[in-house]
């Protein structure tokens, strides 16, 4: 674990909630997980949990010591209520901002949300080189901020977080 990195980046609070449309991949597993000691690393997606082969594959790519799993939004909210994330360095990876809002509505008291990778699609405009947002994404993120959640963009823990200011 890179303790110097942890001292420099005091904004990281756990559980860390990240939106990344590539789901679990090297940047998340190694760049975040291994560099700051993430455990457990959870992909939270109703869609992926229904796709058994994909869910199994994603569980297998996370190193055993990071305790990777694929769970539903409801299960993530229930685990929070049970206290499963206390005294952990958990990361919850979500596929979309809508999933983040749904998680909040299920009672997950999110303090901050990291936008880590929302990539180009025809209906999206570039916000940052690694963040492309649709009108719906902007509306959803505005709603999340109204819930008192700090939203920022950060591709890796060593890079400076960029505050998301929404449409204002």
C-alpha atoms as a PDB file:
ATOM      1  CA  UNK A   1       0.000   0.000   0.000  1.00  0.00           C
ATOM      2  CA  UNK A   2       1.338   3.442  -0.943  1.00  0.00           C
ATOM      3  CA  UNK A   3       0.984   5.390   2.317  1.00  0.00           C
ATOM      4  CA  UNK A   4       2.434   8.586   0.804  1.00  0.00           C
ATOM      5  CA  UNK A   5      -0.391   8.548  -1.705  1.00  0.00           C
ATOM      6  CA  UNK A   6      -2.917   8.205   1.097  1.00  0.00           C
ATOM      7  CA  UNK A   7      -1.454  11.177   2.963  1.00  0.00           C
ATOM      8  CA  UNK A   8      -1.553  13.382  -0.138  1.00  0.00           C
ATOM      9  CA  UNK A   9      -5.125  12.531  -0.991  1.00  0.00           C
ATOM     10  CA  UNK A  10      -7.093  13.088   2.183  1.00  0.00           C
ATOM     11  CA  UNK A  11     -10.363  13.520   0.267  1.00  0.00           C
ATOM     12  CA  UNK A  12     -10.836   9.776  -0.075  1.00  0.00           C
ATOM     13  CA  UNK A  13     -13.571   8.586   2.237  1.00  0.00           C
ATOM     14  CA  UNK A  14     -14.849   5.060   2.500  1.00  0.00           C
ATOM     15  CA  UNK A  15     -16.789   3.411   1.188  1.00  0.00           C
ATOM     16  CA  UNK A  16     -15.546   4.924  -2.045  1.00  0.00           C
ATOM     17  CA  UNK A  17     -18.305   5.037  -4.657  1.00  0.00           C
ATOM     18  CA  UNK A  18     -17.136   5.295  -8.275  1.00  0.00           C
ATOM     19  CA  UNK A  19     -19.013   5.449 -11.566  1.00  0.00           C
ATOM     20  CA  UNK A  20     -17.120   3.712 -14.364  1.00  0.00           C
ATOM     21  CA  UNK A  21     -18.884   2.372 -17.444  1.00  0.00           C
ATOM     22  CA  UNK A  22     -16.050  -0.120 -18.038  1.00  0.00           C
ATOM     23  CA  UNK A  23     -16.968  -1.793 -14.750  1.00  0.00           C
ATOM     24  CA  UNK A  24     -14.023  -3.686 -13.215  1.00  0.00           C
ATOM     25  CA  UNK A  25     -10.805  -3.310 -15.198  1.00  0.00           C
ATOM     26  CA  UNK A  26      -7.101  -2.672 -14.630  1.00  0.00           C
ATOM     27  CA  UNK A  27      -7.397   1.010 -13.741  1.00  0.00           C
ATOM     28  CA  UNK A  28      -9.919   0.186 -11.028  1.00  0.00           C
ATOM     29  CA  UNK A  29      -8.373  -3.054  -9.755  1.00  0.00           C
ATOM     30  CA  UNK A  30      -4.711  -2.024  -9.843  1.00  0.00           C
ATOM     31  CA  UNK A  31      -4.770   1.781 -10.048  1.00  0.00           C
ATOM     32  CA  UNK A  32      -7.254   2.174  -7.220  1.00  0.00           C
ATOM     33  CA  UNK A  33      -7.580  -1.191  -5.534  1.00  0.00           C
ATOM     34  CA  UNK A  34      -3.981  -2.182  -5.101  1.00  0.00           C
ATOM     35  CA  UNK A  35      -2.542   1.317  -4.697  1.00  0.00           C
ATOM     36  CA  UNK A  36      -4.803   2.321  -1.790  1.00  0.00           C
ATOM     37  CA  UNK A  37      -5.674  -1.089  -0.362  1.00  0.00           C
ATOM     38  CA  UNK A  38      -9.292  -1.474  -1.437  1.00  0.00           C
ATOM     39  CA  UNK A  39     -11.114  -4.349   0.243  1.00  0.00           C
ATOM     40  CA  UNK A  40     -13.766  -5.315  -0.607  1.00  0.00           C
ATOM     41  CA  UNK A  41     -14.135  -4.252  -4.240  1.00  0.00           C
ATOM     42  CA  UNK A  42     -17.759  -4.535  -5.262  1.00  0.00           C
ATOM     43  CA  UNK A  43     -19.375  -4.075  -8.630  1.00  0.00           C
ATOM     44  CA  UNK A  44     -22.887  -2.903  -7.835  1.00  0.00           C
ATOM     45  CA  UNK A  45     -25.133  -3.522 -10.825  1.00  0.00           C
ATOM     46  CA  UNK A  46     -28.592  -5.017 -11.186  1.00  0.00           C
ATOM     47  CA  UNK A  47     -27.877  -5.515 -14.895  1.00  0.00           C
ATOM     48  CA  UNK A  48     -24.622  -7.439 -14.425  1.00  0.00           C
ATOM     49  CA  UNK A  49     -25.962  -9.645 -11.619  1.00  0.00           C
ATOM     50  CA  UNK A  50     -28.561 -10.940 -14.114  1.00  0.00           C
ATOM     51  CA  UNK A  51     -25.807 -11.799 -16.631  1.00  0.00           C
ATOM     52  CA  UNK A  52     -24.348 -14.823 -14.835  1.00  0.00           C
ATOM     53  CA  UNK A  53     -21.358 -15.463 -17.159  1.00  0.00           C
ATOM     54  CA  UNK A  54     -20.309 -11.787 -17.061  1.00  0.00           C
ATOM     55  CA  UNK A  55     -20.753 -11.592 -13.281  1.00  0.00           C
ATOM     56  CA  UNK A  56     -18.638 -14.740 -12.793  1.00  0.00           C
ATOM     57  CA  UNK A  57     -15.903 -13.385 -15.063  1.00  0.00           C
ATOM     58  CA  UNK A  58     -15.784 -10.055 -13.241  1.00  0.00           C
ATOM     59  CA  UNK A  59     -15.600 -11.788  -9.852  1.00  0.00           C
ATOM     60  CA  UNK A  60     -12.632 -13.821 -11.083  1.00  0.00           C
ATOM     61  CA  UNK A  61     -10.559 -10.867 -12.332  1.00  0.00           C
ATOM     62  CA  UNK A  62     -10.396  -9.234  -8.904  1.00  0.00           C
ATOM     63  CA  UNK A  63      -7.480 -10.554  -6.826  1.00  0.00           C
ATOM     64  CA  UNK A  64      -8.613 -12.730  -3.922  1.00  0.00           C
ATOM     65  CA  UNK A  65      -7.198 -10.335  -1.291  1.00  0.00           C
ATOM     66  CA  UNK A  66      -9.519  -7.591  -2.599  1.00  0.00           C
ATOM     67  CA  UNK A  67     -12.595  -9.781  -2.021  1.00  0.00           C
ATOM     68  CA  UNK A  68     -14.288  -8.896  -5.307  1.00  0.00           C
ATOM     69  CA  UNK A  69     -17.980  -9.489  -5.795  1.00  0.00           C
ATOM     70  CA  UNK A  70     -20.890  -8.474  -7.991  1.00  0.00           C
ATOM     71  CA  UNK A  71     -24.024  -7.466  -6.084  1.00  0.00           C
ATOM     72  CA  UNK A  72     -27.339  -5.716  -6.661  1.00  0.00           C
ATOM     73  CA  UNK A  73     -28.086  -2.145  -5.636  1.00  0.00           C
ATOM     74  CA  UNK A  74     -30.488  -3.423  -2.999  1.00  0.00           C
ATOM     75  CA  UNK A  75     -27.849  -5.764  -1.578  1.00  0.00           C
ATOM     76  CA  UNK A  76     -25.346  -2.882  -1.349  1.00  0.00           C
ATOM     77  CA  UNK A  77     -27.884  -0.783   0.569  1.00  0.00           C
ATOM     78  CA  UNK A  78     -28.655  -3.715   2.880  1.00  0.00           C
ATOM     79  CA  UNK A  79     -24.952  -4.325   3.539  1.00  0.00           C
ATOM     80  CA  UNK A  80     -24.606  -0.644   4.489  1.00  0.00           C
ATOM     81  CA  UNK A  81     -27.538  -0.883   6.898  1.00  0.00           C
ATOM     82  CA  UNK A  82     -26.007  -4.014   8.501  1.00  0.00           C
ATOM     83  CA  UNK A  83     -22.732  -2.154   9.012  1.00  0.00           C
ATOM     84  CA  UNK A  84     -20.719  -4.343   6.637  1.00  0.00           C
ATOM     85  CA  UNK A  85     -18.669  -1.359   5.400  1.00  0.00           C
ATOM     86  CA  UNK A  86     -17.565  -0.106   8.807  1.00  0.00           C
ATOM     87  CA  UNK A  87     -13.818  -0.331   9.287  1.00  0.00           C
ATOM     88  CA  UNK A  88     -13.272  -1.403   5.659  1.00  0.00           C
ATOM     89  CA  UNK A  89     -11.708   0.289   2.662  1.00  0.00           C
ATOM     90  CA  UNK A  90     -14.588  -0.679   0.401  1.00  0.00           C
ATOM     91  CA  UNK A  91     -15.041   0.514  -3.161  1.00  0.00           C
ATOM     92  CA  UNK A  92     -18.399   0.271  -4.870  1.00  0.00           C
ATOM     93  CA  UNK A  93     -18.197   0.550  -8.647  1.00  0.00           C
ATOM     94  CA  UNK A  94     -21.391   1.604 -10.420  1.00  0.00           C
ATOM     95  CA  UNK A  95     -22.035   1.621 -14.153  1.00  0.00           C
ATOM     96  CA  UNK A  96     -24.075   4.828 -14.408  1.00  0.00           C
ATOM     97  CA  UNK A  97     -25.006   7.967 -12.476  1.00  0.00           C
ATOM     98  CA  UNK A  98     -28.587   6.631 -12.442  1.00  0.00           C
ATOM     99  CA  UNK A  99     -27.364   3.635 -10.432  1.00  0.00           C
ATOM    100  CA  UNK A 100     -25.782   6.053  -7.928  1.00  0.00           C
ATOM    101  CA  UNK A 101     -29.076   7.918  -7.522  1.00  0.00           C
ATOM    102  CA  UNK A 102     -30.969   4.635  -7.143  1.00  0.00           C
ATOM    103  CA  UNK A 103     -28.515   3.534  -4.453  1.00  0.00           C
ATOM    104  CA  UNK A 104     -29.113   6.792  -2.555  1.00  0.00           C
ATOM    105  CA  UNK A 105     -32.887   6.327  -2.836  1.00  0.00           C
ATOM    106  CA  UNK A 106     -32.459   2.824  -1.342  1.00  0.00           C
ATOM    107  CA  UNK A 107     -31.010   4.428   1.791  1.00  0.00           C
ATOM    108  CA  UNK A 108     -27.275   4.342   1.107  1.00  0.00           C
ATOM    109  CA  UNK A 109     -25.928   7.540   2.753  1.00  0.00           C
ATOM    110  CA  UNK A 110     -23.440   8.477   0.055  1.00  0.00           C
ATOM    111  CA  UNK A 111     -21.156  11.371   1.025  1.00  0.00           C
ATOM    112  CA  UNK A 112     -19.223  11.631  -2.211  1.00  0.00           C
ATOM    113  CA  UNK A 113     -19.313  10.189  -5.705  1.00  0.00           C
ATOM    114  CA  UNK A 114     -16.316   9.812  -7.983  1.00  0.00           C
ATOM    115  CA  UNK A 115     -16.866   9.936 -11.723  1.00  0.00           C
ATOM    116  CA  UNK A 116     -14.021   7.842 -13.005  1.00  0.00           C
ATOM    117  CA  UNK A 117     -14.798   6.809 -16.526  1.00  0.00           C
ATOM    118  CA  UNK A 118     -17.820   7.612 -18.657  1.00  0.00           C
ATOM    119  CA  UNK A 119     -16.690   7.211 -22.211  1.00  0.00           C
ATOM    120  CA  UNK A 120     -17.713   8.607 -25.566  1.00  0.00           C
ATOM    121  CA  UNK A 121     -21.079   7.729 -27.044  1.00  0.00           C
ATOM    122  CA  UNK A 122     -23.073   9.650 -29.637  1.00  0.00           C
ATOM    123  CA  UNK A 123     -25.450  11.192 -27.091  1.00  0.00           C
ATOM    124  CA  UNK A 124     -22.652  12.409 -24.790  1.00  0.00           C
ATOM    125  CA  UNK A 125     -20.546  15.556 -24.696  1.00  0.00           C
ATOM    126  CA  UNK A 126     -16.986  15.755 -23.391  1.00  0.00           C
ATOM    127  CA  UNK A 127     -16.720  17.143 -19.880  1.00  0.00           C
ATOM    128  CA  UNK A 128     -13.144  15.911 -19.335  1.00  0.00           C
ATOM    129  CA  UNK A 129     -11.027  13.598 -21.511  1.00  0.00           C
ATOM    130  CA  UNK A 130     -12.317  10.605 -19.528  1.00  0.00           C
ATOM    131  CA  UNK A 131     -15.824  11.917 -18.772  1.00  0.00           C
ATOM    132  CA  UNK A 132     -18.499  12.207 -21.469  1.00  0.00           C
ATOM    133  CA  UNK A 133     -21.986  13.069 -20.225  1.00  0.00           C
ATOM    134  CA  UNK A 134     -25.451  12.989 -21.734  1.00  0.00           C
ATOM    135  CA  UNK A 135     -28.166  15.477 -20.821  1.00  0.00           C
ATOM    136  CA  UNK A 136     -29.691  12.736 -18.691  1.00  0.00           C
ATOM    137  CA  UNK A 137     -26.363  12.242 -16.867  1.00  0.00           C
ATOM    138  CA  UNK A 138     -26.226  15.974 -16.074  1.00  0.00           C
ATOM    139  CA  UNK A 139     -29.801  15.954 -14.740  1.00  0.00           C
ATOM    140  CA  UNK A 140     -29.108  12.855 -12.661  1.00  0.00           C
ATOM    141  CA  UNK A 141     -25.883  14.280 -11.231  1.00  0.00           C
ATOM    142  CA  UNK A 142     -27.702  17.508 -10.330  1.00  0.00           C
ATOM    143  CA  UNK A 143     -30.269  15.399  -8.450  1.00  0.00           C
ATOM    144  CA  UNK A 144     -27.479  13.536  -6.649  1.00  0.00           C
ATOM    145  CA  UNK A 145     -25.910  16.840  -5.574  1.00  0.00           C
ATOM    146  CA  UNK A 146     -29.300  17.996  -4.247  1.00  0.00           C
ATOM    147  CA  UNK A 147     -29.100  14.970  -1.940  1.00  0.00           C
ATOM    148  CA  UNK A 148     -25.967  16.534  -0.395  1.00  0.00           C
ATOM    149  CA  UNK A 149     -23.464  14.337  -2.227  1.00  0.00           C
ATOM    150  CA  UNK A 150     -20.152  15.867  -3.318  1.00  0.00           C
ATOM    151  CA  UNK A 151     -19.465  14.819  -6.910  1.00  0.00           C
ATOM    152  CA  UNK A 152     -16.024  14.980  -8.426  1.00  0.00           C
ATOM    153  CA  UNK A 153     -14.078  13.500 -11.327  1.00  0.00           C
ATOM    154  CA  UNK A 154     -10.887  11.536 -10.773  1.00  0.00           C
ATOM    155  CA  UNK A 155      -9.420   8.849 -12.998  1.00  0.00           C
ATOM    156  CA  UNK A 156      -6.701   7.641 -10.581  1.00  0.00           C
ATOM    157  CA  UNK A 157      -6.038   8.271  -6.883  1.00  0.00           C
ATOM    158  CA  UNK A 158      -2.762  10.070  -7.678  1.00  0.00           C
ATOM    159  CA  UNK A 159      -4.501  12.676  -9.865  1.00  0.00           C
ATOM    160  CA  UNK A 160      -6.141  15.741  -8.411  1.00  0.00           C
ATOM    161  CA  UNK A 161      -9.938  15.451  -8.110  1.00  0.00           C
ATOM    162  CA  UNK A 162     -11.897  17.884 -10.309  1.00  0.00           C
ATOM    163  CA  UNK A 163     -15.116  19.117  -8.672  1.00  0.00           C
ATOM    164  CA  UNK A 164     -18.230  18.545 -10.757  1.00  0.00           C
ATOM    165  CA  UNK A 165     -20.221  21.757 -10.748  1.00  0.00           C
ATOM    166  CA  UNK A 166     -23.097  20.570 -12.861  1.00  0.00           C
ATOM    167  CA  UNK A 167     -24.900  22.810 -15.278  1.00  0.00           C
ATOM    168  CA  UNK A 168     -24.304  25.993 -13.264  1.00  0.00           C
END
